[in-house]
C-alpha atoms as a PDB file:
ATOM      1  CA  UNK A   1     -62.830  66.801 -94.770  1.00  0.00           C
ATOM      2  CA  UNK A   2     -65.173  63.800 -94.871  1.00  0.00           C
ATOM      3  CA  UNK A   3     -65.685  61.401 -97.788  1.00  0.00           C
ATOM      4  CA  UNK A   4     -68.702  63.303 -99.164  1.00  0.00           C
ATOM      5  CA  UNK A   5     -66.775  66.605 -99.190  1.00  0.00           C
ATOM      6  CA  UNK A   6     -63.789  64.964-100.831  1.00  0.00           C
ATOM      7  CA  UNK A   7     -65.947  63.606-103.631  1.00  0.00           C
ATOM      8  CA  UNK A   8     -67.351  67.084-104.333  1.00  0.00           C
ATOM      9  CA  UNK A   9     -63.924  68.414-105.345  1.00  0.00           C
ATOM     10  CA  UNK A  10     -64.248  69.820-108.913  1.00  0.00           C
ATOM     11  CA  UNK A  11     -62.159  67.181-110.679  1.00  0.00           C
ATOM     12  CA  UNK A  12     -63.309  64.176-112.775  1.00  0.00           C
ATOM     13  CA  UNK A  13     -64.878  61.444-110.654  1.00  0.00           C
ATOM     14  CA  UNK A  14     -62.606  58.847-112.219  1.00  0.00           C
ATOM     15  CA  UNK A  15     -59.550  60.581-110.773  1.00  0.00           C
ATOM     16  CA  UNK A  16     -61.137  60.715-107.310  1.00  0.00           C
ATOM     17  CA  UNK A  17     -62.084  57.036-107.451  1.00  0.00           C
ATOM     18  CA  UNK A  18     -58.607  55.981-108.634  1.00  0.00           C
ATOM     19  CA  UNK A  19     -56.940  57.967-105.835  1.00  0.00           C
ATOM     20  CA  UNK A  20     -59.275  56.401-103.262  1.00  0.00           C
ATOM     21  CA  UNK A  21     -58.575  52.940-104.628  1.00  0.00           C
ATOM     22  CA  UNK A  22     -54.781  53.282-104.483  1.00  0.00           C
ATOM     23  CA  UNK A  23     -54.942  54.751-100.982  1.00  0.00           C
ATOM     24  CA  UNK A  24     -57.024  51.766 -99.878  1.00  0.00           C
ATOM     25  CA  UNK A  25     -54.626  49.308-101.544  1.00  0.00           C
ATOM     26  CA  UNK A  26     -51.727  50.963 -99.721  1.00  0.00           C
ATOM     27  CA  UNK A  27     -53.589  50.775 -96.396  1.00  0.00           C
ATOM     28  CA  UNK A  28     -54.371  47.081 -96.976  1.00  0.00           C
ATOM     29  CA  UNK A  29     -50.727  46.343 -97.795  1.00  0.00           C
ATOM     30  CA  UNK A  30     -49.555  48.197 -94.684  1.00  0.00           C
ATOM     31  CA  UNK A  31     -52.057  46.527 -92.344  1.00  0.00           C
ATOM     32  CA  UNK A  32     -51.395  43.006 -93.603  1.00  0.00           C
ATOM     33  CA  UNK A  33     -47.605  43.424 -93.582  1.00  0.00           C
ATOM     34  CA  UNK A  34     -47.480  44.131 -89.846  1.00  0.00           C
ATOM     35  CA  UNK A  35     -48.017  41.561 -87.057  1.00  0.00           C
ATOM     36  CA  UNK A  36     -51.656  41.471 -86.000  1.00  0.00           C
ATOM     37  CA  UNK A  37     -50.860  42.391 -82.393  1.00  0.00           C
ATOM     38  CA  UNK A  38     -49.130  45.579 -83.529  1.00  0.00           C
ATOM     39  CA  UNK A  39     -52.020  46.421 -85.870  1.00  0.00           C
ATOM     40  CA  UNK A  40     -54.465  45.974 -82.986  1.00  0.00           C
ATOM     41  CA  UNK A  41     -52.605  48.562 -80.909  1.00  0.00           C
ATOM     42  CA  UNK A  42     -52.417  50.976 -83.840  1.00  0.00           C
ATOM     43  CA  UNK A  43     -56.133  50.572 -84.496  1.00  0.00           C
ATOM     44  CA  UNK A  44     -57.083  51.318 -80.908  1.00  0.00           C
ATOM     45  CA  UNK A  45     -55.058  54.539 -80.987  1.00  0.00           C
ATOM     46  CA  UNK A  46     -56.545  55.443 -84.361  1.00  0.00           C
ATOM     47  CA  UNK A  47     -60.083  54.852 -83.062  1.00  0.00           C
ATOM     48  CA  UNK A  48     -59.485  57.307 -80.212  1.00  0.00           C
ATOM     49  CA  UNK A  49     -58.520  59.978 -82.737  1.00  0.00           C
ATOM     50  CA  UNK A  50     -61.368  59.208 -85.165  1.00  0.00           C
ATOM     51  CA  UNK A  51     -63.981  59.086 -82.422  1.00  0.00           C
ATOM     52  CA  UNK A  52     -62.796  62.394 -80.968  1.00  0.00           C
ATOM     53  CA  UNK A  53     -62.782  64.194 -84.330  1.00  0.00           C
ATOM     54  CA  UNK A  54     -65.884  62.651 -85.922  1.00  0.00           C
ATOM     55  CA  UNK A  55     -68.559  64.669 -84.136  1.00  0.00           C
ATOM     56  CA  UNK A  56     -71.238  64.104 -86.803  1.00  0.00           C
ATOM     57  CA  UNK A  57     -71.424  60.313 -86.813  1.00  0.00           C
ATOM     58  CA  UNK A  58     -70.657  60.062 -83.113  1.00  0.00           C
ATOM     59  CA  UNK A  59     -73.744  62.184 -82.457  1.00  0.00           C
ATOM     60  CA  UNK A  60     -75.825  59.973 -84.763  1.00  0.00           C
ATOM     61  CA  UNK A  61     -74.640  56.823 -82.968  1.00  0.00           C
ATOM     62  CA  UNK A  62     -75.280  58.150 -79.461  1.00  0.00           C
ATOM     63  CA  UNK A  63     -78.732  59.484 -80.413  1.00  0.00           C
ATOM     64  CA  UNK A  64     -79.672  56.142 -81.997  1.00  0.00           C
ATOM     65  CA  UNK A  65     -78.627  54.269 -78.865  1.00  0.00           C
ATOM     66  CA  UNK A  66     -80.361  56.622 -76.428  1.00  0.00           C
ATOM     67  CA  UNK A  67     -83.663  56.557 -78.338  1.00  0.00           C
ATOM     68  CA  UNK A  68     -83.931  52.776 -78.500  1.00  0.00           C
ATOM     69  CA  UNK A  69     -86.973  51.317 -76.709  1.00  0.00           C
ATOM     70  CA  UNK A  70     -86.420  49.472 -74.459  1.00  0.00           C
ATOM     71  CA  UNK A  71     -82.948  50.915 -73.751  1.00  0.00           C
ATOM     72  CA  UNK A  72     -79.885  49.207 -75.191  1.00  0.00           C
ATOM     73  CA  UNK A  73     -77.848  47.797 -72.319  1.00  0.00           C
ATOM     74  CA  UNK A  74     -74.064  47.201 -72.465  1.00  0.00           C
ATOM     75  CA  UNK A  75     -73.360  43.507 -71.947  1.00  0.00           C
ATOM     76  CA  UNK A  76     -70.516  41.018 -71.587  1.00  0.00           C
ATOM     77  CA  UNK A  77     -67.226  42.070 -73.159  1.00  0.00           C
ATOM     78  CA  UNK A  78     -68.416  45.654 -73.554  1.00  0.00           C
ATOM     79  CA  UNK A  79     -68.940  46.022 -69.794  1.00  0.00           C
ATOM     80  CA  UNK A  80     -65.512  44.497 -69.083  1.00  0.00           C
ATOM     81  CA  UNK A  81     -63.652  46.853 -71.419  1.00  0.00           C
ATOM     82  CA  UNK A  82     -65.836  49.935 -70.817  1.00  0.00           C
ATOM     83  CA  UNK A  83     -67.305  49.768 -67.282  1.00  0.00           C
ATOM     84  CA  UNK A  84     -70.099  52.256 -66.541  1.00  0.00           C
ATOM     85  CA  UNK A  85     -72.129  53.004 -63.411  1.00  0.00           C
ATOM     86  CA  UNK A  86     -75.501  53.548 -65.112  1.00  0.00           C
ATOM     87  CA  UNK A  87     -76.178  51.342 -68.154  1.00  0.00           C
ATOM     88  CA  UNK A  88     -79.007  53.669 -69.272  1.00  0.00           C
ATOM     89  CA  UNK A  89     -76.972  56.891 -69.209  1.00  0.00           C
ATOM     90  CA  UNK A  90     -75.464  59.087 -71.915  1.00  0.00           C
ATOM     91  CA  UNK A  91     -72.085  57.795 -70.741  1.00  0.00           C
ATOM     92  CA  UNK A  92     -73.158  54.210 -71.445  1.00  0.00           C
ATOM     93  CA  UNK A  93     -74.365  55.192 -74.932  1.00  0.00           C
ATOM     94  CA  UNK A  94     -71.020  56.881 -75.551  1.00  0.00           C
ATOM     95  CA  UNK A  95     -69.204  53.689 -74.543  1.00  0.00           C
ATOM     96  CA  UNK A  96     -71.310  51.574 -76.904  1.00  0.00           C
ATOM     97  CA  UNK A  97     -70.724  54.019 -79.755  1.00  0.00           C
ATOM     98  CA  UNK A  98     -66.967  54.137 -79.128  1.00  0.00           C
ATOM     99  CA  UNK A  99     -66.789  50.345 -78.938  1.00  0.00           C
ATOM    100  CA  UNK A 100     -68.734  50.115 -82.199  1.00  0.00           C
ATOM    101  CA  UNK A 101     -66.118  52.270 -83.955  1.00  0.00           C
ATOM    102  CA  UNK A 102     -63.382  50.093 -82.511  1.00  0.00           C
ATOM    103  CA  UNK A 103     -65.104  46.865 -83.404  1.00  0.00           C
ATOM    104  CA  UNK A 104     -65.573  47.701 -87.074  1.00  0.00           C
ATOM    105  CA  UNK A 105     -62.045  48.970 -87.575  1.00  0.00           C
ATOM    106  CA  UNK A 106     -60.644  45.816 -85.994  1.00  0.00           C
ATOM    107  CA  UNK A 107     -63.129  43.637 -87.887  1.00  0.00           C
ATOM    108  CA  UNK A 108     -61.912  45.174 -91.160  1.00  0.00           C
ATOM    109  CA  UNK A 109     -58.301  44.452 -90.230  1.00  0.00           C
ATOM    110  CA  UNK A 110     -59.106  40.908 -89.189  1.00  0.00           C
ATOM    111  CA  UNK A 111     -61.032  40.340 -92.417  1.00  0.00           C
ATOM    112  CA  UNK A 112     -57.836  41.177 -94.306  1.00  0.00           C
ATOM    113  CA  UNK A 113     -55.826  38.732 -92.201  1.00  0.00           C
ATOM    114  CA  UNK A 114     -58.481  36.021 -92.339  1.00  0.00           C
ATOM    115  CA  UNK A 115     -58.354  36.120 -96.140  1.00  0.00           C
ATOM    116  CA  UNK A 116     -55.052  34.282 -95.816  1.00  0.00           C
ATOM    117  CA  UNK A 117     -56.930  31.238 -94.506  1.00  0.00           C
ATOM    118  CA  UNK A 118     -59.219  30.770 -97.498  1.00  0.00           C
ATOM    119  CA  UNK A 119     -59.345  27.132 -98.518  1.00  0.00           C
ATOM    120  CA  UNK A 120     -58.045  25.817 -95.189  1.00  0.00           C
ATOM    121  CA  UNK A 121     -60.316  23.259 -93.570  1.00  0.00           C
ATOM    122  CA  UNK A 122     -61.030  22.993 -89.837  1.00  0.00           C
ATOM    123  CA  UNK A 123     -60.422  26.686 -89.195  1.00  0.00           C
ATOM    124  CA  UNK A 124     -60.032  27.321 -85.492  1.00  0.00           C
ATOM    125  CA  UNK A 125     -61.264  30.904 -85.808  1.00  0.00           C
ATOM    126  CA  UNK A 126     -64.681  29.862 -87.193  1.00  0.00           C
ATOM    127  CA  UNK A 127     -67.449  27.966 -85.436  1.00  0.00           C
ATOM    128  CA  UNK A 128     -70.962  27.186 -86.700  1.00  0.00           C
ATOM    129  CA  UNK A 129     -73.947  26.878 -84.354  1.00  0.00           C
ATOM    130  CA  UNK A 130     -77.470  25.524 -84.864  1.00  0.00           C
ATOM    131  CA  UNK A 131     -76.731  24.338 -88.417  1.00  0.00           C
ATOM    132  CA  UNK A 132     -79.527  21.753 -88.057  1.00  0.00           C
ATOM    133  CA  UNK A 133     -81.979  24.596 -88.709  1.00  0.00           C
ATOM    134  CA  UNK A 134     -80.364  25.327 -92.085  1.00  0.00           C
ATOM    135  CA  UNK A 135     -80.051  21.637 -92.987  1.00  0.00           C
ATOM    136  CA  UNK A 136     -83.736  21.029 -92.252  1.00  0.00           C
ATOM    137  CA  UNK A 137     -84.789  24.055 -94.311  1.00  0.00           C
ATOM    138  CA  UNK A 138     -82.617  22.950 -97.239  1.00  0.00           C
ATOM    139  CA  UNK A 139     -84.216  19.501 -97.182  1.00  0.00           C
ATOM    140  CA  UNK A 140     -87.555  21.062 -98.230  1.00  0.00           C
ATOM    141  CA  UNK A 141     -86.050  21.774-101.694  1.00  0.00           C
ATOM    142  CA  UNK A 142     -87.551  25.263-101.881  1.00  0.00           C
ATOM    143  CA  UNK A 143     -84.319  27.123-101.319  1.00  0.00           C
ATOM    144  CA  UNK A 144     -83.601  29.204 -98.223  1.00  0.00           C
ATOM    145  CA  UNK A 145     -83.650  32.944 -97.555  1.00  0.00           C
ATOM    146  CA  UNK A 146     -81.025  33.997 -95.011  1.00  0.00           C
ATOM    147  CA  UNK A 147     -81.352  37.443 -93.457  1.00  0.00           C
ATOM    148  CA  UNK A 148     -78.570  39.143 -91.543  1.00  0.00           C
ATOM    149  CA  UNK A 149     -77.310  42.596 -90.536  1.00  0.00           C
ATOM    150  CA  UNK A 150     -74.218  44.762 -90.721  1.00  0.00           C
ATOM    151  CA  UNK A 151     -73.283  43.101 -87.464  1.00  0.00           C
ATOM    152  CA  UNK A 152     -70.148  41.375 -86.221  1.00  0.00           C
ATOM    153  CA  UNK A 153     -68.509  40.616 -89.535  1.00  0.00           C
ATOM    154  CA  UNK A 154     -71.241  39.755 -92.018  1.00  0.00           C
ATOM    155  CA  UNK A 155     -68.709  39.419 -94.859  1.00  0.00           C
ATOM    156  CA  UNK A 156     -66.909  36.671 -92.937  1.00  0.00           C
ATOM    157  CA  UNK A 157     -70.200  34.899 -92.286  1.00  0.00           C
ATOM    158  CA  UNK A 158     -71.302  34.913 -95.917  1.00  0.00           C
ATOM    159  CA  UNK A 159     -67.828  33.960 -97.184  1.00  0.00           C
ATOM    160  CA  UNK A 160     -67.442  31.067 -94.737  1.00  0.00           C
ATOM    161  CA  UNK A 161     -70.877  29.690 -95.578  1.00  0.00           C
ATOM    162  CA  UNK A 162     -69.911  29.617 -99.247  1.00  0.00           C
ATOM    163  CA  UNK A 163     -66.440  28.211 -98.514  1.00  0.00           C
ATOM    164  CA  UNK A 164     -68.010  25.371 -96.532  1.00  0.00           C
ATOM    165  CA  UNK A 165     -69.929  24.224 -99.615  1.00  0.00           C
ATOM    166  CA  UNK A 166     -73.285  25.973 -99.283  1.00  0.00           C
ATOM    167  CA  UNK A 167     -74.728  27.375-102.546  1.00  0.00           C
ATOM    168  CA  UNK A 168     -74.713  31.042-101.494  1.00  0.00           C
ATOM    169  CA  UNK A 169     -75.997  33.993-103.523  1.00  0.00           C
ATOM    170  CA  UNK A 170     -75.727  37.487-102.037  1.00  0.00           C
ATOM    171  CA  UNK A 171     -77.791  40.532-102.993  1.00  0.00           C
ATOM    172  CA  UNK A 172     -75.069  43.172-103.156  1.00  0.00           C
ATOM    173  CA  UNK A 173     -75.580  46.914-103.303  1.00  0.00           C
ATOM    174  CA  UNK A 174     -73.315  48.790-105.691  1.00  0.00           C
ATOM    175  CA  UNK A 175     -70.509  50.759-104.017  1.00  0.00           C
ATOM    176  CA  UNK A 176     -70.146  54.368-105.147  1.00  0.00           C
ATOM    177  CA  UNK A 177     -66.512  53.776-106.065  1.00  0.00           C
ATOM    178  CA  UNK A 178     -66.503  51.163-108.890  1.00  0.00           C
ATOM    179  CA  UNK A 179     -62.954  50.080-108.028  1.00  0.00           C
ATOM    180  CA  UNK A 180     -63.961  49.381-104.435  1.00  0.00           C
ATOM    181  CA  UNK A 181     -66.979  47.518-105.744  1.00  0.00           C
ATOM    182  CA  UNK A 182     -64.898  45.329-108.047  1.00  0.00           C
ATOM    183  CA  UNK A 183     -62.331  44.545-105.346  1.00  0.00           C
ATOM    184  CA  UNK A 184     -65.003  43.579-102.789  1.00  0.00           C
ATOM    185  CA  UNK A 185     -66.924  41.409-105.231  1.00  0.00           C
ATOM    186  CA  UNK A 186     -63.725  39.674-106.350  1.00  0.00           C
ATOM    187  CA  UNK A 187     -63.070  38.713-102.733  1.00  0.00           C
ATOM    188  CA  UNK A 188     -66.626  37.435-102.332  1.00  0.00           C
ATOM    189  CA  UNK A 189     -66.495  35.435-105.565  1.00  0.00           C
ATOM    190  CA  UNK A 190     -63.104  33.943-104.627  1.00  0.00           C
ATOM    191  CA  UNK A 191     -64.868  32.439-101.585  1.00  0.00           C
ATOM    192  CA  UNK A 192     -67.599  30.943-103.772  1.00  0.00           C
ATOM    193  CA  UNK A 193     -70.254  33.626-103.258  1.00  0.00           C
ATOM    194  CA  UNK A 194     -72.504  34.333-106.247  1.00  0.00           C
ATOM    195  CA  UNK A 195     -73.214  38.081-106.535  1.00  0.00           C
ATOM    196  CA  UNK A 196     -76.707  39.308-107.440  1.00  0.00           C
ATOM    197  CA  UNK A 197     -76.925  43.004-108.439  1.00  0.00           C
ATOM    198  CA  UNK A 198     -79.877  44.826-106.899  1.00  0.00           C
ATOM    199  CA  UNK A 199     -81.371  45.667-110.315  1.00  0.00           C
ATOM    200  CA  UNK A 200     -83.661  42.772-111.212  1.00  0.00           C
ATOM    201  CA  UNK A 201     -82.707  40.977-107.994  1.00  0.00           C
ATOM    202  CA  UNK A 202     -86.177  39.698-107.068  1.00  0.00           C
ATOM    203  CA  UNK A 203     -86.782  37.794-110.312  1.00  0.00           C
ATOM    204  CA  UNK A 204     -83.256  36.368-110.195  1.00  0.00           C
ATOM    205  CA  UNK A 205     -83.756  35.305-106.559  1.00  0.00           C
ATOM    206  CA  UNK A 206     -86.942  33.462-107.503  1.00  0.00           C
ATOM    207  CA  UNK A 207     -84.976  31.445-110.074  1.00  0.00           C
ATOM    208  CA  UNK A 208     -82.220  30.638-107.580  1.00  0.00           C
ATOM    209  CA  UNK A 209     -84.669  29.559-104.881  1.00  0.00           C
ATOM    210  CA  UNK A 210     -86.366  27.215-107.348  1.00  0.00           C
ATOM    211  CA  UNK A 211     -82.914  25.702-107.935  1.00  0.00           C
ATOM    212  CA  UNK A 212     -82.624  25.072-104.182  1.00  0.00           C
ATOM    213  CA  UNK A 213     -79.962  27.717-103.527  1.00  0.00           C
ATOM    214  CA  UNK A 214     -79.502  29.993-100.511  1.00  0.00           C
ATOM    215  CA  UNK A 215     -80.148  33.693-101.024  1.00  0.00           C
ATOM    216  CA  UNK A 216     -78.681  36.154 -98.493  1.00  0.00           C
ATOM    217  CA  UNK A 217     -80.128  39.591 -97.706  1.00  0.00           C
ATOM    218  CA  UNK A 218     -78.459  42.176 -95.436  1.00  0.00           C
ATOM    219  CA  UNK A 219     -81.619  43.860 -94.194  1.00  0.00           C
ATOM    220  CA  UNK A 220     -80.855  46.209 -91.320  1.00  0.00           C
ATOM    221  CA  UNK A 221     -80.397  49.435 -93.270  1.00  0.00           C
ATOM    222  CA  UNK A 222     -83.153  51.863 -94.197  1.00  0.00           C
ATOM    223  CA  UNK A 223     -85.498  50.645 -96.910  1.00  0.00           C
ATOM    224  CA  UNK A 224     -85.736  52.715-100.065  1.00  0.00           C
ATOM    225  CA  UNK A 225     -88.805  54.849-100.802  1.00  0.00           C
ATOM    226  CA  UNK A 226     -90.872  51.706-101.345  1.00  0.00           C
ATOM    227  CA  UNK A 227     -89.802  50.163 -98.020  1.00  0.00           C
ATOM    228  CA  UNK A 228     -92.448  48.852 -95.640  1.00  0.00           C
ATOM    229  CA  UNK A 229     -93.065  50.660 -92.338  1.00  0.00           C
ATOM    230  CA  UNK A 230     -92.222  48.571 -89.265  1.00  0.00           C
ATOM    231  CA  UNK A 231     -90.747  49.084 -85.794  1.00  0.00           C
ATOM    232  CA  UNK A 232     -87.047  48.641 -85.070  1.00  0.00           C
ATOM    233  CA  UNK A 233     -85.744  49.230 -81.539  1.00  0.00           C
ATOM    234  CA  UNK A 234     -89.189  50.577 -80.651  1.00  0.00           C
ATOM    235  CA  UNK A 235     -89.156  53.287 -83.329  1.00  0.00           C
ATOM    236  CA  UNK A 236     -90.928  53.639 -86.670  1.00  0.00           C
ATOM    237  CA  UNK A 237     -88.616  52.572 -89.440  1.00  0.00           C
ATOM    238  CA  UNK A 238     -88.582  51.758 -93.138  1.00  0.00           C
ATOM    239  CA  UNK A 239     -87.458  48.201 -93.917  1.00  0.00           C
ATOM    240  CA  UNK A 240     -86.686  46.058 -96.941  1.00  0.00           C
ATOM    241  CA  UNK A 241     -89.628  43.821 -97.768  1.00  0.00           C
ATOM    242  CA  UNK A 242     -87.907  41.745-100.465  1.00  0.00           C
ATOM    243  CA  UNK A 243     -87.278  38.651 -98.295  1.00  0.00           C
ATOM    244  CA  UNK A 244     -90.908  38.623 -97.086  1.00  0.00           C
ATOM    245  CA  UNK A 245     -92.254  38.970-100.615  1.00  0.00           C
ATOM    246  CA  UNK A 246     -90.011  36.180-101.899  1.00  0.00           C
ATOM    247  CA  UNK A 247     -90.916  33.842 -99.062  1.00  0.00           C
ATOM    248  CA  UNK A 248     -94.657  34.381 -99.573  1.00  0.00           C
ATOM    249  CA  UNK A 249     -94.345  33.816-103.340  1.00  0.00           C
ATOM    250  CA  UNK A 250     -92.028  30.794-103.320  1.00  0.00           C
ATOM    251  CA  UNK A 251     -92.579  29.134 -99.946  1.00  0.00           C
ATOM    252  CA  UNK A 252     -88.852  29.433 -99.166  1.00  0.00           C
ATOM    253  CA  UNK A 253     -88.221  29.611 -95.395  1.00  0.00           C
ATOM    254  CA  UNK A 254     -86.554  32.669 -93.845  1.00  0.00           C
ATOM    255  CA  UNK A 255     -83.728  32.106 -91.339  1.00  0.00           C
ATOM    256  CA  UNK A 256     -81.956  34.964 -89.515  1.00  0.00           C
ATOM    257  CA  UNK A 257     -78.254  34.421 -88.881  1.00  0.00           C
ATOM    258  CA  UNK A 258     -75.252  36.314 -87.539  1.00  0.00           C
ATOM    259  CA  UNK A 259     -71.467  36.223 -87.482  1.00  0.00           C
ATOM    260  CA  UNK A 260     -70.452  37.363 -84.013  1.00  0.00           C
ATOM    261  CA  UNK A 261     -67.004  37.937 -82.520  1.00  0.00           C
ATOM    262  CA  UNK A 262     -66.282  35.845 -79.426  1.00  0.00           C
ATOM    263  CA  UNK A 263     -62.896  37.328 -78.477  1.00  0.00           C
ATOM    264  CA  UNK A 264     -62.510  37.617 -74.698  1.00  0.00           C
ATOM    265  CA  UNK A 265     -60.592  40.852 -75.092  1.00  0.00           C
ATOM    266  CA  UNK A 266     -61.017  43.502 -77.739  1.00  0.00           C
ATOM    267  CA  UNK A 267     -57.356  43.222 -78.862  1.00  0.00           C
ATOM    268  CA  UNK A 268     -57.410  39.473 -79.396  1.00  0.00           C
ATOM    269  CA  UNK A 269     -57.627  37.892 -82.822  1.00  0.00           C
ATOM    270  CA  UNK A 270     -61.348  37.724 -83.513  1.00  0.00           C
ATOM    271  CA  UNK A 271     -62.908  34.297 -83.552  1.00  0.00           C
ATOM    272  CA  UNK A 272     -66.349  34.135 -85.125  1.00  0.00           C
ATOM    273  CA  UNK A 273     -69.481  32.189 -84.328  1.00  0.00           C
ATOM    274  CA  UNK A 274     -71.781  31.860 -87.329  1.00  0.00           C
ATOM    275  CA  UNK A 275     -75.120  31.156 -85.685  1.00  0.00           C
ATOM    276  CA  UNK A 276     -78.500  30.346 -87.207  1.00  0.00           C
ATOM    277  CA  UNK A 277     -81.632  31.303 -85.340  1.00  0.00           C
ATOM    278  CA  UNK A 278     -84.896  29.410 -85.709  1.00  0.00           C
ATOM    279  CA  UNK A 279     -86.832  29.560 -88.964  1.00  0.00           C
ATOM    280  CA  UNK A 280     -89.387  32.382 -89.009  1.00  0.00           C
ATOM    281  CA  UNK A 281     -92.808  30.850 -88.492  1.00  0.00           C
ATOM    282  CA  UNK A 282     -95.636  32.795 -90.141  1.00  0.00           C
ATOM    283  CA  UNK A 283     -99.078  31.802 -91.384  1.00  0.00           C
ATOM    284  CA  UNK A 284    -100.333  34.151 -94.158  1.00  0.00           C
ATOM    285  CA  UNK A 285    -103.743  35.761 -93.650  1.00  0.00           C
ATOM    286  CA  UNK A 286    -104.432  36.351 -97.344  1.00  0.00           C
ATOM    287  CA  UNK A 287    -103.835  40.117 -97.374  1.00  0.00           C
ATOM    288  CA  UNK A 288    -100.598  40.610 -99.331  1.00  0.00           C
ATOM    289  CA  UNK A 289     -99.668  43.996 -97.892  1.00  0.00           C
ATOM    290  CA  UNK A 290    -100.358  42.930 -94.320  1.00  0.00           C
ATOM    291  CA  UNK A 291     -98.590  39.598 -94.812  1.00  0.00           C
ATOM    292  CA  UNK A 292     -95.475  41.357 -96.095  1.00  0.00           C
ATOM    293  CA  UNK A 293     -95.529  43.873 -93.242  1.00  0.00           C
ATOM    294  CA  UNK A 294     -96.048  41.254 -90.514  1.00  0.00           C
ATOM    295  CA  UNK A 295     -93.438  38.879 -91.877  1.00  0.00           C
ATOM    296  CA  UNK A 296     -90.924  41.728 -92.266  1.00  0.00           C
ATOM    297  CA  UNK A 297     -91.567  42.722 -88.649  1.00  0.00           C
ATOM    298  CA  UNK A 298     -90.935  39.166 -87.465  1.00  0.00           C
ATOM    299  CA  UNK A 299     -87.497  38.816 -89.026  1.00  0.00           C
ATOM    300  CA  UNK A 300     -86.514  42.369 -88.112  1.00  0.00           C
ATOM    301  CA  UNK A 301     -87.402  41.565 -84.475  1.00  0.00           C
ATOM    302  CA  UNK A 302     -84.928  38.674 -84.651  1.00  0.00           C
ATOM    303  CA  UNK A 303     -82.231  40.963 -86.049  1.00  0.00           C
ATOM    304  CA  UNK A 304     -82.884  43.436 -83.231  1.00  0.00           C
ATOM    305  CA  UNK A 305     -82.467  40.677 -80.656  1.00  0.00           C
ATOM    306  CA  UNK A 306     -79.143  39.660 -82.237  1.00  0.00           C
ATOM    307  CA  UNK A 307     -77.914  43.255 -81.959  1.00  0.00           C
ATOM    308  CA  UNK A 308     -79.084  43.659 -78.361  1.00  0.00           C
ATOM    309  CA  UNK A 309     -77.014  40.641 -77.324  1.00  0.00           C
ATOM    310  CA  UNK A 310     -73.809  42.355 -78.550  1.00  0.00           C
ATOM    311  CA  UNK A 311     -74.650  46.034 -79.193  1.00  0.00           C
ATOM    312  CA  UNK A 312     -71.031  47.070 -79.776  1.00  0.00           C
ATOM    313  CA  UNK A 313     -70.967  44.945 -82.939  1.00  0.00           C
ATOM    314  CA  UNK A 314     -73.607  46.921 -84.884  1.00  0.00           C
ATOM    315  CA  UNK A 315     -73.348  50.079 -87.035  1.00  0.00           C
ATOM    316  CA  UNK A 316     -75.033  52.573 -84.711  1.00  0.00           C
ATOM    317  CA  UNK A 317     -73.505  55.426 -86.722  1.00  0.00           C
ATOM    318  CA  UNK A 318     -75.798  54.625 -89.681  1.00  0.00           C
ATOM    319  CA  UNK A 319     -78.792  56.993 -90.087  1.00  0.00           C
ATOM    320  CA  UNK A 320     -81.201  54.102 -89.716  1.00  0.00           C
ATOM    321  CA  UNK A 321     -84.243  56.178 -88.750  1.00  0.00           C
ATOM    322  CA  UNK A 322     -83.667  59.182 -91.030  1.00  0.00           C
ATOM    323  CA  UNK A 323     -87.149  59.013 -92.595  1.00  0.00           C
ATOM    324  CA  UNK A 324     -88.776  59.381 -89.175  1.00  0.00           C
ATOM    325  CA  UNK A 325     -86.289  61.556 -87.290  1.00  0.00           C
ATOM    326  CA  UNK A 326     -86.967  64.900 -85.642  1.00  0.00           C
ATOM    327  CA  UNK A 327     -85.085  67.883 -87.179  1.00  0.00           C
ATOM    328  CA  UNK A 328     -82.621  68.051 -84.259  1.00  0.00           C
ATOM    329  CA  UNK A 329     -81.595  64.390 -84.327  1.00  0.00           C
ATOM    330  CA  UNK A 330     -79.001  64.340 -87.109  1.00  0.00           C
END
């Protein structure tokens, strides 16, 4: 039974959400009570079971990888831990998908353990790169729009930026389970992150940018019905145009960034590099729709490049291209 089937059980939703919440709290207690090395071993065994049983999302992940243009190539740590003969084969896609499952389970566990280090300065597990780009953008006093993906550990990246003194506001989608939503937002706020609900987010973001704050968008998922059509991994895709619209209206620069694991072995404690890429450079042509589309394409290209550098750290099991898929894909 998957999560969607579980939530269709004919009992009040409140009961289902409360049960889910207490199960999650128990899991968190269990995972944080054990030594990290033991949890790593347990997680790897659990991933093998999940990946074997979860045929639906495994198929989605492998199809997404195989249909990328140009092909997604295993690199670095992924090749060391999962060697393959042909990097363009179905076997290689399977290895990337499996490693993605493993990465996100371990990243969740490490997020729980890293929460113990909140407030500690000079954290050895965190390193910032290319911060001069952010500092220069902030000096323009127009605020900054940061765009990132569900890559590496985006929650760590946002939380550490706020903990280091940056005025961070995050556009946060509502979780289906309100108890999950409250727990996640409490963690974010405890790190100094200001939460912006999606309803009325654009007008609120304009106010924050005028105040010189940093607004963070996680932009790699499918845009809603009003999303703009762009290309992502060589395929037609719907994308969120909010950052482009805000930048064109306010003059705030857009900077892609990522929070990437640098562990030399998949079972090591994850150390994270929070890296800023160069500011997106775009000169408007005066056609609003085209300007939004072109600017959206530019920052989505940067996100794609981030993912290609470490493909095992992205959510390939998300139905990213569902609006443009063939009937047999998913």
